[in-house]
Amino acid sequence: MMNEAKMTELTQAEDMAYFRADLCLYSPESYCLDEKKGICNDMMATSKAVLDTMCNDFEQHSPRCSRQAPGHALCLRRRSPQWRWDVLVGEGGSLYHELEPLG
C-alpha cells in the first residue's frame, strides 16, 4: 500500500521543482547556468521519484486490485500480468531512461 504521506511529500517536491522552473522561464536572466542546471535536474529527479513510487505501488497491488474490482477493468483481467504491466506502467517512458542529470 502506498504511503500517503510519502506520496504527498514527493508530489509537493515535484510541484516546487516545476514552480522554480516557471520562475526561471519568467526571468531567465536572474539565474546563472548552474542554477538552471539544478532546476532541470530537480524537475527530472522529482518526476522520476513520483513515477517510481506509483510503479512500485502498482506492482504490489495489481493482482489484488484486479480481483477486488473485476468490472473496473474487464479487458485487463483477460490479459497476462506482463501485458497489464507493459500497458499500464511500462518502463516509465523512454524519457527517464535516456536522460541523465546535467553535469
PDB file of N, CA and C in Angstrom:
ATOM      1  N   MET A   1       0.836  -1.174   0.000  1.00  0.00           N
ATOM      2  CA  MET A   1       0.000   0.000   0.000  1.00  0.00           C
ATOM      3  C   MET A   1       0.886   1.245   0.000  1.00  0.00           C
ATOM      4  N   MET A   2       0.509   2.213  -0.803  1.00  0.00           N
ATOM      5  CA  MET A   2       1.285   3.431  -0.945  1.00  0.00           C
ATOM      6  C   MET A   2       1.202   4.251   0.340  1.00  0.00           C
ATOM      7  N   ASN A   3       2.336   4.726   0.782  1.00  0.00           N
ATOM      8  CA  ASN A   3       2.392   5.601   1.936  1.00  0.00           C
ATOM      9  C   ASN A   3       1.923   6.979   1.483  1.00  0.00           C
ATOM     10  N   GLU A   4       0.765   7.375   1.971  1.00  0.00           N
ATOM     11  CA  GLU A   4       0.151   8.621   1.512  1.00  0.00           C
ATOM     12  C   GLU A   4       1.000   9.844   1.862  1.00  0.00           C
ATOM     13  N   ALA A   5       1.611   9.834   3.036  1.00  0.00           N
ATOM     14  CA  ALA A   5       2.451  10.963   3.441  1.00  0.00           C
ATOM     15  C   ALA A   5       3.676  11.076   2.530  1.00  0.00           C
ATOM     16  N   LYS A   6       4.258   9.930   2.185  1.00  0.00           N
ATOM     17  CA  LYS A   6       5.425   9.944   1.295  1.00  0.00           C
ATOM     18  C   LYS A   6       5.039  10.454  -0.085  1.00  0.00           C
ATOM     19  N   MET A   7       3.897   9.999  -0.582  1.00  0.00           N
ATOM     20  CA  MET A   7       3.463  10.434  -1.908  1.00  0.00           C
ATOM     21  C   MET A   7       3.162  11.937  -1.910  1.00  0.00           C
ATOM     22  N   THR A   8       2.568  12.428  -0.846  1.00  0.00           N
ATOM     23  CA  THR A   8       2.302  13.864  -0.734  1.00  0.00           C
ATOM     24  C   THR A   8       3.608  14.648  -0.743  1.00  0.00           C
ATOM     25  N   GLU A   9       4.585  14.158   0.011  1.00  0.00           N
ATOM     26  CA  GLU A   9       5.894  14.814   0.044  1.00  0.00           C
ATOM     27  C   GLU A   9       6.545  14.830  -1.336  1.00  0.00           C
ATOM     28  N   LEU A  10       6.463  13.706  -2.047  1.00  0.00           N
ATOM     29  CA  LEU A  10       7.053  13.623  -3.386  1.00  0.00           C
ATOM     30  C   LEU A  10       6.360  14.552  -4.370  1.00  0.00           C
ATOM     31  N   THR A  11       5.040  14.586  -4.333  1.00  0.00           N
ATOM     32  CA  THR A  11       4.325  15.443  -5.280  1.00  0.00           C
ATOM     33  C   THR A  11       4.538  16.917  -4.959  1.00  0.00           C
ATOM     34  N   GLN A  12       4.678  17.250  -3.676  1.00  0.00           N
ATOM     35  CA  GLN A  12       4.969  18.641  -3.320  1.00  0.00           C
ATOM     36  C   GLN A  12       6.364  19.039  -3.790  1.00  0.00           C
ATOM     37  N   ALA A  13       7.316  18.123  -3.666  1.00  0.00           N
ATOM     38  CA  ALA A  13       8.673  18.409  -4.156  1.00  0.00           C
ATOM     39  C   ALA A  13       8.653  18.586  -5.672  1.00  0.00           C
ATOM     40  N   GLU A  14       7.872  17.761  -6.361  1.00  0.00           N
ATOM     41  CA  GLU A  14       7.759  17.889  -7.811  1.00  0.00           C
ATOM     42  C   GLU A  14       7.109  19.221  -8.182  1.00  0.00           C
ATOM     43  N   ASP A  15       6.047  19.577  -7.478  1.00  0.00           N
ATOM     44  CA  ASP A  15       5.390  20.860  -7.738  1.00  0.00           C
ATOM     45  C   ASP A  15       6.351  22.032  -7.531  1.00  0.00           C
ATOM     46  N   MET A  16       7.156  21.954  -6.476  1.00  0.00           N
ATOM     47  CA  MET A  16       8.107  23.027  -6.198  1.00  0.00           C
ATOM     48  C   MET A  16       9.171  23.112  -7.295  1.00  0.00           C
ATOM     49  N   ALA A  17       9.641  21.959  -7.772  1.00  0.00           N
ATOM     50  CA  ALA A  17      10.643  21.957  -8.842  1.00  0.00           C
ATOM     51  C   ALA A  17      10.080  22.611 -10.108  1.00  0.00           C
ATOM     52  N   TYR A  18       8.843  22.296 -10.443  1.00  0.00           N
ATOM     53  CA  TYR A  18       8.234  22.884 -11.632  1.00  0.00           C
ATOM     54  C   TYR A  18       7.891  24.363 -11.423  1.00  0.00           C
ATOM     55  N   PHE A  19       7.570  24.736 -10.192  1.00  0.00           N
ATOM     56  CA  PHE A  19       7.338  26.149  -9.874  1.00  0.00           C
ATOM     57  C   PHE A  19       8.627  26.945 -10.074  1.00  0.00           C
ATOM     58  N   ARG A  20       9.736  26.392  -9.581  1.00  0.00           N
ATOM     59  CA  ARG A  20      11.026  27.058  -9.770  1.00  0.00           C
ATOM     60  C   ARG A  20      11.358  27.182 -11.262  1.00  0.00           C
ATOM     61  N   ALA A  21      11.005  26.171 -12.040  1.00  0.00           N
ATOM     62  CA  ALA A  21      11.242  26.239 -13.483  1.00  0.00           C
ATOM     63  C   ALA A  21      10.402  27.337 -14.120  1.00  0.00           C
ATOM     64  N   ASP A  22       9.156  27.468 -13.679  1.00  0.00           N
ATOM     65  CA  ASP A  22       8.311  28.547 -14.197  1.00  0.00           C
ATOM     66  C   ASP A  22       8.905  29.916 -13.878  1.00  0.00           C
ATOM     67  N   LEU A  23       9.412  30.068 -12.666  1.00  0.00           N
ATOM     68  CA  LEU A  23      10.054  31.339 -12.300  1.00  0.00           C
ATOM     69  C   LEU A  23      11.265  31.610 -13.185  1.00  0.00           C
ATOM     70  N   CYS A  24      12.028  30.560 -13.431  1.00  0.00           N
ATOM     71  CA  CYS A  24      13.220  30.701 -14.275  1.00  0.00           C
ATOM     72  C   CYS A  24      12.830  31.093 -15.704  1.00  0.00           C
ATOM     73  N   LEU A  25      11.777  30.518 -16.222  1.00  0.00           N
ATOM     74  CA  LEU A  25      11.324  30.868 -17.569  1.00  0.00           C
ATOM     75  C   LEU A  25      10.829  32.309 -17.629  1.00  0.00           C
ATOM     76  N   TYR A  26      10.234  32.766 -16.551  1.00  0.00           N
ATOM     77  CA  TYR A  26       9.713  34.132 -16.498  1.00  0.00           C
ATOM     78  C   TYR A  26      10.849  35.154 -16.474  1.00  0.00           C
ATOM     79  N   SER A  27      11.941  34.792 -15.788  1.00  0.00           N
ATOM     80  CA  SER A  27      13.051  35.731 -15.648  1.00  0.00           C
ATOM     81  C   SER A  27      14.387  34.998 -15.755  1.00  0.00           C
ATOM     82  N   PRO A  28      14.713  34.485 -16.947  1.00  0.00           N
ATOM     83  CA  PRO A  28      15.919  33.669 -17.094  1.00  0.00           C
ATOM     84  C   PRO A  28      17.217  34.404 -16.783  1.00  0.00           C
ATOM     85  N   GLU A  29      17.216  35.704 -16.954  1.00  0.00           N
ATOM     86  CA  GLU A  29      18.435  36.464 -16.678  1.00  0.00           C
ATOM     87  C   GLU A  29      18.760  36.516 -15.181  1.00  0.00           C
ATOM     88  N   SER A  30      17.811  36.135 -14.349  1.00  0.00           N
ATOM     89  CA  SER A  30      18.024  36.144 -12.902  1.00  0.00           C
ATOM     90  C   SER A  30      18.730  34.889 -12.395  1.00  0.00           C
ATOM     91  N   TYR A  31      18.972  33.939 -13.269  1.00  0.00           N
ATOM     92  CA  TYR A  31      19.558  32.661 -12.865  1.00  0.00           C
ATOM     93  C   TYR A  31      20.855  32.414 -13.631  1.00  0.00           C
ATOM     94  N   CYS A  32      21.847  31.912 -12.911  1.00  0.00           N
ATOM     95  CA  CYS A  32      23.091  31.537 -13.586  1.00  0.00           C
ATOM     96  C   CYS A  32      22.914  30.135 -14.186  1.00  0.00           C
ATOM     97  N   LEU A  33      23.864  29.719 -14.989  1.00  0.00           N
ATOM     98  CA  LEU A  33      23.777  28.421 -15.649  1.00  0.00           C
ATOM     99  C   LEU A  33      23.692  27.267 -14.651  1.00  0.00           C
ATOM    100  N   ASP A  34      24.468  27.332 -13.573  1.00  0.00           N
ATOM    101  CA  ASP A  34      24.427  26.264 -12.569  1.00  0.00           C
ATOM    102  C   ASP A  34      23.060  26.172 -11.900  1.00  0.00           C
ATOM    103  N   GLU A  35      22.419  27.306 -11.657  1.00  0.00           N
ATOM    104  CA  GLU A  35      21.071  27.286 -11.071  1.00  0.00           C
ATOM    105  C   GLU A  35      20.062  26.681 -12.042  1.00  0.00           C
ATOM    106  N   LYS A  36      20.196  27.026 -13.318  1.00  0.00           N
ATOM    107  CA  LYS A  36      19.296  26.467 -14.326  1.00  0.00           C
ATOM    108  C   LYS A  36      19.481  24.956 -14.442  1.00  0.00           C
ATOM    109  N   LYS A  37      20.746  24.507 -14.393  1.00  0.00           N
ATOM    110  CA  LYS A  37      21.026  23.068 -14.414  1.00  0.00           C
ATOM    111  C   LYS A  37      20.385  22.385 -13.217  1.00  0.00           C
ATOM    112  N   GLY A  38      20.517  22.983 -12.051  1.00  0.00           N
ATOM    113  CA  GLY A  38      19.929  22.418 -10.837  1.00  0.00           C
ATOM    114  C   GLY A  38      18.421  22.312 -10.929  1.00  0.00           C
ATOM    115  N   ILE A  39      17.790  23.323 -11.502  1.00  0.00           N
ATOM    116  CA  ILE A  39      16.343  23.309 -11.673  1.00  0.00           C
ATOM    117  C   ILE A  39      15.928  22.172 -12.609  1.00  0.00           C
ATOM    118  N   CYS A  40      16.626  22.020 -13.719  1.00  0.00           N
ATOM    119  CA  CYS A  40      16.325  20.930 -14.666  1.00  0.00           C
ATOM    120  C   CYS A  40      16.513  19.567 -14.004  1.00  0.00           C
ATOM    121  N   ASN A  41      17.599  19.414 -13.272  1.00  0.00           N
ATOM    122  CA  ASN A  41      17.856  18.137 -12.594  1.00  0.00           C
ATOM    123  C   ASN A  41      16.804  17.845 -11.533  1.00  0.00           C
ATOM    124  N   ASP A  42      16.365  18.880 -10.796  1.00  0.00           N
ATOM    125  CA  ASP A  42      15.321  18.693  -9.787  1.00  0.00           C
ATOM    126  C   ASP A  42      14.002  18.270 -10.430  1.00  0.00           C
ATOM    127  N   MET A  43      13.674  18.886 -11.564  1.00  0.00           N
ATOM    128  CA  MET A  43      12.434  18.513 -12.255  1.00  0.00           C
ATOM    129  C   MET A  43      12.467  17.038 -12.644  1.00  0.00           C
ATOM    130  N   MET A  44      13.576  16.620 -13.231  1.00  0.00           N
ATOM    131  CA  MET A  44      13.691  15.235 -13.679  1.00  0.00           C
ATOM    132  C   MET A  44      13.696  14.271 -12.489  1.00  0.00           C
ATOM    133  N   ALA A  45      14.456  14.588 -11.460  1.00  0.00           N
ATOM    134  CA  ALA A  45      14.573  13.694 -10.304  1.00  0.00           C
ATOM    135  C   ALA A  45      13.249  13.555  -9.554  1.00  0.00           C
ATOM    136  N   THR A  46      12.536  14.669  -9.360  1.00  0.00           N
ATOM    137  CA  THR A  46      11.283  14.583  -8.610  1.00  0.00           C
ATOM    138  C   THR A  46      10.205  13.870  -9.412  1.00  0.00           C
ATOM    139  N   SER A  47      10.149  14.116 -10.717  1.00  0.00           N
ATOM    140  CA  SER A  47       9.165  13.412 -11.549  1.00  0.00           C
ATOM    141  C   SER A  47       9.452  11.917 -11.584  1.00  0.00           C
ATOM    142  N   LYS A  48      10.713  11.554 -11.669  1.00  0.00           N
ATOM    143  CA  LYS A  48      11.090  10.145 -11.676  1.00  0.00           C
ATOM    144  C   LYS A  48      10.753   9.490 -10.332  1.00  0.00           C
ATOM    145  N   ALA A  49      10.964  10.207  -9.234  1.00  0.00           N
ATOM    146  CA  ALA A  49      10.644   9.658  -7.912  1.00  0.00           C
ATOM    147  C   ALA A  49       9.144   9.393  -7.775  1.00  0.00           C
ATOM    148  N   VAL A  50       8.319  10.319  -8.265  1.00  0.00           N
ATOM    149  CA  VAL A  50       6.868  10.124  -8.222  1.00  0.00           C
ATOM    150  C   VAL A  50       6.480   8.928  -9.081  1.00  0.00           C
ATOM    151  N   LEU A  51       7.011   8.853 -10.291  1.00  0.00           N
ATOM    152  CA  LEU A  51       6.706   7.741 -11.187  1.00  0.00           C
ATOM    153  C   LEU A  51       7.149   6.408 -10.588  1.00  0.00           C
ATOM    154  N   ASP A  52       8.351   6.352 -10.043  1.00  0.00           N
ATOM    155  CA  ASP A  52       8.849   5.109  -9.445  1.00  0.00           C
ATOM    156  C   ASP A  52       7.971   4.662  -8.284  1.00  0.00           C
ATOM    157  N   THR A  53       7.526   5.608  -7.468  1.00  0.00           N
ATOM    158  CA  THR A  53       6.656   5.277  -6.334  1.00  0.00           C
ATOM    159  C   THR A  53       5.325   4.720  -6.817  1.00  0.00           C
ATOM    160  N   MET A  54       4.756   5.337  -7.843  1.00  0.00           N
ATOM    161  CA  MET A  54       3.492   4.836  -8.381  1.00  0.00           C
ATOM    162  C   MET A  54       3.664   3.463  -9.017  1.00  0.00           C
ATOM    163  N   CYS A  55       4.765   3.254  -9.724  1.00  0.00           N
ATOM    164  CA  CYS A  55       5.021   1.953 -10.342  1.00  0.00           C
ATOM    165  C   CYS A  55       5.193   0.873  -9.283  1.00  0.00           C
ATOM    166  N   ASN A  56       5.929   1.166  -8.226  1.00  0.00           N
ATOM    167  CA  ASN A  56       6.110   0.202  -7.150  1.00  0.00           C
ATOM    168  C   ASN A  56       4.785  -0.132  -6.486  1.00  0.00           C
ATOM    169  N   ASP A  57       3.952   0.876  -6.285  1.00  0.00           N
ATOM    170  CA  ASP A  57       2.643   0.646  -5.694  1.00  0.00           C
ATOM    171  C   ASP A  57       1.789  -0.224  -6.600  1.00  0.00           C
ATOM    172  N   PHE A  58       1.795   0.080  -7.879  1.00  0.00           N
ATOM    173  CA  PHE A  58       1.017  -0.720  -8.825  1.00  0.00           C
ATOM    174  C   PHE A  58       1.498  -2.168  -8.837  1.00  0.00           C
ATOM    175  N   GLU A  59       2.806  -2.346  -8.830  1.00  0.00           N
ATOM    176  CA  GLU A  59       3.373  -3.686  -8.865  1.00  0.00           C
ATOM    177  C   GLU A  59       2.945  -4.500  -7.649  1.00  0.00           C
ATOM    178  N   GLN A  60       2.834  -3.870  -6.500  1.00  0.00           N
ATOM    179  CA  GLN A  60       2.437  -4.565  -5.279  1.00  0.00           C
ATOM    180  C   GLN A  60       0.955  -4.887  -5.247  1.00  0.00           C
ATOM    181  N   HIS A  61       0.130  -4.054  -5.870  1.00  0.00           N
ATOM    182  CA  HIS A  61      -1.315  -4.203  -5.722  1.00  0.00           C
ATOM    183  C   HIS A  61      -2.058  -4.705  -6.948  1.00  0.00           C
ATOM    184  N   SER A  62      -1.431  -4.826  -8.077  1.00  0.00           N
ATOM    185  CA  SER A  62      -2.191  -5.121  -9.292  1.00  0.00           C
ATOM    186  C   SER A  62      -2.998  -6.414  -9.224  1.00  0.00           C
ATOM    187  N   PRO A  63      -2.480  -7.543  -8.729  1.00  0.00           N
ATOM    188  CA  PRO A  63      -3.324  -8.745  -8.692  1.00  0.00           C
ATOM    189  C   PRO A  63      -4.524  -8.586  -7.765  1.00  0.00           C
ATOM    190  N   ARG A  64      -4.319  -7.977  -6.609  1.00  0.00           N
ATOM    191  CA  ARG A  64      -5.406  -7.788  -5.658  1.00  0.00           C
ATOM    192  C   ARG A  64      -6.457  -6.847  -6.219  1.00  0.00           C
ATOM    193  N   CYS A  65      -6.026  -5.768  -6.851  1.00  0.00           N
ATOM    194  CA  CYS A  65      -6.967  -4.804  -7.420  1.00  0.00           C
ATOM    195  C   CYS A  65      -7.808  -5.449  -8.513  1.00  0.00           C
ATOM    196  N   SER A  66      -7.209  -6.307  -9.298  1.00  0.00           N
ATOM    197  CA  SER A  66      -7.957  -6.985 -10.356  1.00  0.00           C
ATOM    198  C   SER A  66      -9.052  -7.859  -9.775  1.00  0.00           C
ATOM    199  N   ARG A  67      -8.769  -8.489  -8.639  1.00  0.00           N
ATOM    200  CA  ARG A  67      -9.784  -9.352  -8.011  1.00  0.00           C
ATOM    201  C   ARG A  67     -10.845  -8.527  -7.303  1.00  0.00           C
ATOM    202  N   GLN A  68     -10.468  -7.391  -6.706  1.00  0.00           N
ATOM    203  CA  GLN A  68     -11.414  -6.585  -5.956  1.00  0.00           C
ATOM    204  C   GLN A  68     -12.362  -5.799  -6.851  1.00  0.00           C
ATOM    205  N   ALA A  69     -11.912  -5.403  -8.000  1.00  0.00           N
ATOM    206  CA  ALA A  69     -12.742  -4.594  -8.895  1.00  0.00           C
ATOM    207  C   ALA A  69     -12.831  -5.256 -10.263  1.00  0.00           C
ATOM    208  N   PRO A  70     -13.490  -6.416 -10.324  1.00  0.00           N
ATOM    209  CA  PRO A  70     -13.499  -7.144 -11.598  1.00  0.00           C
ATOM    210  C   PRO A  70     -14.189  -6.403 -12.730  1.00  0.00           C
ATOM    211  N   GLY A  71     -15.186  -5.613 -12.452  1.00  0.00           N
ATOM    212  CA  GLY A  71     -15.864  -4.884 -13.509  1.00  0.00           C
ATOM    213  C   GLY A  71     -15.129  -3.628 -13.926  1.00  0.00           C
ATOM    214  N   HIS A  72     -14.211  -3.198 -13.122  1.00  0.00           N
ATOM    215  CA  HIS A  72     -13.497  -1.947 -13.392  1.00  0.00           C
ATOM    216  C   HIS A  72     -12.561  -2.056 -14.581  1.00  0.00           C
ATOM    217  N   ALA A  73     -11.960  -3.196 -14.763  1.00  0.00           N
ATOM    218  CA  ALA A  73     -11.019  -3.379 -15.870  1.00  0.00           C
ATOM    219  C   ALA A  73     -11.221  -4.758 -16.480  1.00  0.00           C
ATOM    220  N   LEU A  74     -12.369  -4.960 -17.064  1.00  0.00           N
ATOM    221  CA  LEU A  74     -12.737  -6.269 -17.592  1.00  0.00           C
ATOM    222  C   LEU A  74     -11.718  -6.792 -18.589  1.00  0.00           C
ATOM    223  N   CYS A  75     -11.294  -5.976 -19.525  1.00  0.00           N
ATOM    224  CA  CYS A  75     -10.353  -6.462 -20.536  1.00  0.00           C
ATOM    225  C   CYS A  75      -8.990  -6.762 -19.935  1.00  0.00           C
ATOM    226  N   LEU A  76      -8.609  -6.070 -18.868  1.00  0.00           N
ATOM    227  CA  LEU A  76      -7.301  -6.320 -18.257  1.00  0.00           C
ATOM    228  C   LEU A  76      -7.229  -7.682 -17.601  1.00  0.00           C
ATOM    229  N   ARG A  77      -8.347  -8.181 -17.095  1.00  0.00           N
ATOM    230  CA  ARG A  77      -8.348  -9.499 -16.444  1.00  0.00           C
ATOM    231  C   ARG A  77      -8.045 -10.602 -17.434  1.00  0.00           C
ATOM    232  N   ARG A  78      -8.400 -10.402 -18.670  1.00  0.00           N
ATOM    233  CA  ARG A  78      -8.209 -11.436 -19.686  1.00  0.00           C
ATOM    234  C   ARG A  78      -6.787 -11.472 -20.215  1.00  0.00           C
ATOM    235  N   ARG A  79      -5.982 -10.520 -19.833  1.00  0.00           N
ATOM    236  CA  ARG A  79      -4.610 -10.431 -20.316  1.00  0.00           C
ATOM    237  C   ARG A  79      -3.645 -10.953 -19.263  1.00  0.00           C
ATOM    238  N   SER A  80      -2.431 -11.207 -19.703  1.00  0.00           N
ATOM    239  CA  SER A  80      -1.406 -11.698 -18.786  1.00  0.00           C
ATOM    240  C   SER A  80      -0.941 -10.571 -17.865  1.00  0.00           C
ATOM    241  N   PRO A  81      -0.395 -10.918 -16.697  1.00  0.00           N
ATOM    242  CA  PRO A  81       0.146  -9.878 -15.818  1.00  0.00           C
ATOM    243  C   PRO A  81       1.232  -9.053 -16.501  1.00  0.00           C
ATOM    244  N   GLN A  82       2.043  -9.684 -17.326  1.00  0.00           N
ATOM    245  CA  GLN A  82       3.090  -8.930 -18.019  1.00  0.00           C
ATOM    246  C   GLN A  82       2.484  -7.930 -18.994  1.00  0.00           C
ATOM    247  N   TRP A  83       1.425  -8.308 -19.692  1.00  0.00           N
ATOM    248  CA  TRP A  83       0.758  -7.393 -20.617  1.00  0.00           C
ATOM    249  C   TRP A  83       0.200  -6.195 -19.856  1.00  0.00           C
ATOM    250  N   ARG A  84      -0.459  -6.457 -18.707  1.00  0.00           N
ATOM    251  CA  ARG A  84      -1.005  -5.356 -17.908  1.00  0.00           C
ATOM    252  C   ARG A  84       0.110  -4.412 -17.472  1.00  0.00           C
ATOM    253  N   TRP A  85       1.225  -4.997 -17.019  1.00  0.00           N
ATOM    254  CA  TRP A  85       2.347  -4.168 -16.563  1.00  0.00           C
ATOM    255  C   TRP A  85       2.873  -3.310 -17.713  1.00  0.00           C
ATOM    256  N   ASP A  86       3.055  -3.930 -18.883  1.00  0.00           N
ATOM    257  CA  ASP A  86       3.587  -3.198 -20.031  1.00  0.00           C
ATOM    258  C   ASP A  86       2.676  -2.054 -20.455  1.00  0.00           C
ATOM    259  N   VAL A  87       1.368  -2.291 -20.435  1.00  0.00           N
ATOM    260  CA  VAL A  87       0.426  -1.272 -20.877  1.00  0.00           C
ATOM    261  C   VAL A  87       0.237  -0.187 -19.827  1.00  0.00           C
ATOM    262  N   LEU A  88       0.049  -0.590 -18.578  1.00  0.00           N
ATOM    263  CA  LEU A  88      -0.272   0.383 -17.544  1.00  0.00           C
ATOM    264  C   LEU A  88       0.944   1.099 -16.968  1.00  0.00           C
ATOM    265  N   VAL A  89       2.069   0.431 -16.942  1.00  0.00           N
ATOM    266  CA  VAL A  89       3.247   1.031 -16.331  1.00  0.00           C
ATOM    267  C   VAL A  89       4.387   1.130 -17.323  1.00  0.00           C
ATOM    268  N   GLY A  90       4.659   0.037 -17.998  1.00  0.00           N
ATOM    269  CA  GLY A  90       5.767   0.022 -18.942  1.00  0.00           C
ATOM    270  C   GLY A  90       7.075   0.316 -18.244  1.00  0.00           C
ATOM    271  N   GLU A  91       7.941   0.941 -18.933  1.00  0.00           N
ATOM    272  CA  GLU A  91       9.251   1.284 -18.384  1.00  0.00           C
ATOM    273  C   GLU A  91       9.297   2.725 -17.898  1.00  0.00           C
ATOM    274  N   GLY A  92       8.149   3.349 -17.757  1.00  0.00           N
ATOM    275  CA  GLY A  92       8.141   4.737 -17.323  1.00  0.00           C
ATOM    276  C   GLY A  92       8.441   5.699 -18.460  1.00  0.00           C
ATOM    277  N   GLY A  93       8.361   5.209 -19.663  1.00  0.00           N
ATOM    278  CA  GLY A  93       8.668   6.040 -20.810  1.00  0.00           C
ATOM    279  C   GLY A  93      10.168   6.142 -21.010  1.00  0.00           C
ATOM    280  N   SER A  94      10.543   6.406 -22.217  1.00  0.00           N
ATOM    281  CA  SER A  94      11.971   6.464 -22.516  1.00  0.00           C
ATOM    282  C   SER A  94      12.640   7.688 -21.911  1.00  0.00           C
ATOM    283  N   LEU A  95      11.871   8.682 -21.556  1.00  0.00           N
ATOM    284  CA  LEU A  95      12.430   9.921 -21.042  1.00  0.00           C
ATOM    285  C   LEU A  95      13.384   9.684 -19.883  1.00  0.00           C
ATOM    286  N   TYR A  96      12.979   8.898 -18.915  1.00  0.00           N
ATOM    287  CA  TYR A  96      13.788   8.730 -17.714  1.00  0.00           C
ATOM    288  C   TYR A  96      14.940   7.759 -17.910  1.00  0.00           C
ATOM    289  N   HIS A  97      14.908   6.997 -18.969  1.00  0.00           N
ATOM    290  CA  HIS A  97      15.991   6.059 -19.224  1.00  0.00           C
ATOM    291  C   HIS A  97      17.063   6.662 -20.133  1.00  0.00           C
ATOM    292  N   GLU A  98      16.685   7.621 -20.951  1.00  0.00           N
ATOM    293  CA  GLU A  98      17.637   8.226 -21.889  1.00  0.00           C
ATOM    294  C   GLU A  98      18.308   9.466 -21.323  1.00  0.00           C
ATOM    295  N   LEU A  99      17.608  10.181 -20.472  1.00  0.00           N
ATOM    296  CA  LEU A  99      18.158  11.412 -19.921  1.00  0.00           C
ATOM    297  C   LEU A  99      18.954  11.121 -18.652  1.00  0.00           C
ATOM    298  N   GLU A 100      20.001  11.833 -18.485  1.00  0.00           N
ATOM    299  CA  GLU A 100      20.795  11.755 -17.260  1.00  0.00           C
ATOM    300  C   GLU A 100      20.895  13.167 -16.714  1.00  0.00           C
ATOM    301  N   PRO A 101      21.129  13.299 -15.407  1.00  0.00           N
ATOM    302  CA  PRO A 101      21.275  14.641 -14.856  1.00  0.00           C
ATOM    303  C   PRO A 101      22.352  15.432 -15.586  1.00  0.00           C
ATOM    304  N   LEU A 102      22.102  16.707 -15.707  1.00  0.00           N
ATOM    305  CA  LEU A 102      23.079  17.583 -16.357  1.00  0.00           C
ATOM    306  C   LEU A 102      24.309  17.697 -15.478  1.00  0.00           C
ATOM    307  N   GLY A 103      25.462  17.648 -16.089  1.00  0.00           N
ATOM    308  CA  GLY A 103      26.707  17.677 -15.321  1.00  0.00           C
ATOM    309  C   GLY A 103      27.251  19.022 -15.059  1.00  0.00           C
TER     310      GLY A 103
END
